[in-house]
Amino acid sequence: DLGAQALATALEQNKTITIVSLCGNNIGDLGAQALAQALEQNETIAILLLDDNDIGDLGAQALRDLAEKKPDLYLRL
């Protein structure tokens, strides 16, 4: 989750990356929550792929909330 949290901080400022694939990276709830929070501020990322991680109920809820706020974001768990 520390890696995902660090990446989330960088993604808040991102202006060029449009696709983020973090499949199979052992991301848990804390990492998912950090990514969701960061992507609320990000206007360029259109696709977020999070297959095969360890995201539980809390992280999934944060990502659901993000999907509601950003309906154009393609999110795959």
Protein backbone atom coordinates (compact mmCIF):
# COMPACT_ATOMS: atom_id res chain seq x y z
CA ASP A 1 0.00 0.00 0.00
CA LEU A 2 2.92 2.39 0.55
CA GLY A 3 3.84 2.19 -3.12
CA ALA A 4 0.26 2.88 -4.19
CA GLN A 5 0.07 5.79 -1.76
CA ALA A 6 3.29 7.28 -3.18
CA LEU A 7 2.01 6.83 -6.72
CA ALA A 8 -1.29 8.45 -5.75
CA THR A 9 0.58 11.55 -4.64
CA ALA A 10 2.31 11.77 -8.01
CA LEU A 11 -0.91 11.15 -9.94
CA GLU A 12 -2.59 14.14 -8.31
CA GLN A 13 -0.19 16.35 -10.28
CA ASN A 14 -0.19 14.25 -13.47
CA LYS A 15 -1.03 16.05 -16.69
CA THR A 16 0.01 13.45 -19.29
CA ILE A 17 -0.66 9.85 -18.21
CA THR A 18 -4.07 8.60 -19.34
CA ILE A 19 -3.92 4.87 -18.49
CA VAL A 20 -2.80 3.38 -15.17
CA SER A 21 -2.47 -0.40 -14.94
CA LEU A 22 -1.65 -1.66 -11.44
CA CYS A 23 -2.84 -5.24 -11.82
CA GLY A 24 -1.35 -7.80 -9.44
CA ASN A 25 0.45 -5.35 -7.16
CA ASN A 26 -0.96 -6.43 -3.77
CA ILE A 27 -2.76 -3.12 -3.37
CA GLY A 28 -5.04 -3.16 -0.35
CA ASP A 29 -7.64 -0.83 1.09
CA LEU A 30 -5.21 1.96 2.01
CA GLY A 31 -3.68 2.03 -1.44
CA ALA A 32 -7.07 1.93 -3.15
CA GLN A 33 -8.34 4.75 -0.95
CA ALA A 34 -5.27 6.85 -1.73
CA LEU A 35 -5.64 6.24 -5.45
CA ALA A 36 -9.34 7.10 -5.36
CA GLN A 37 -8.65 10.33 -3.52
CA ALA A 38 -5.87 11.30 -5.92
CA LEU A 39 -7.91 10.58 -9.01
CA GLU A 40 -10.71 12.83 -7.81
CA GLN A 41 -8.27 15.68 -8.53
CA ASN A 42 -6.83 14.23 -11.74
CA GLU A 43 -8.35 15.26 -15.06
CA THR A 44 -6.24 13.19 -17.48
CA ILE A 45 -6.46 9.57 -16.34
CA ALA A 46 -9.24 7.85 -18.26
CA ILE A 47 -8.51 4.19 -17.43
CA LEU A 48 -7.58 2.61 -14.09
CA LEU A 49 -6.94 -1.15 -14.03
CA LEU A 50 -6.68 -2.79 -10.60
CA ASP A 51 -7.29 -6.49 -11.29
CA ASP A 52 -5.78 -9.13 -8.97
CA ASN A 53 -5.09 -6.95 -5.95
CA ASP A 54 -6.06 -7.29 -2.29
CA ILE A 55 -8.69 -4.55 -2.24
CA GLY A 56 -11.32 -5.16 0.43
CA ASP A 57 -14.62 -3.51 1.23
CA LEU A 58 -13.18 -0.14 2.30
CA GLY A 59 -11.04 0.25 -0.79
CA ALA A 60 -13.84 -0.93 -3.06
CA GLN A 61 -16.20 1.63 -1.53
CA ALA A 62 -13.69 4.42 -2.14
CA LEU A 63 -13.38 3.32 -5.77
CA ARG A 64 -17.18 3.10 -6.15
CA ASP A 65 -17.45 6.64 -4.82
CA LEU A 66 -14.82 7.74 -7.33
CA ALA A 67 -16.71 6.05 -10.17
CA GLU A 68 -19.87 7.93 -9.21
CA LYS A 69 -18.01 11.26 -9.20
CA LYS A 70 -16.19 10.51 -12.46
CA PRO A 71 -18.53 8.49 -14.67
CA ASP A 72 -16.20 8.76 -17.68
CA LEU A 73 -13.40 6.95 -15.85
CA TYR A 74 -13.07 3.31 -16.88
CA LEU A 75 -12.34 1.38 -13.70
CA ARG A 76 -11.66 -2.36 -13.66
CA LEU A 77 -11.19 -4.38 -10.47
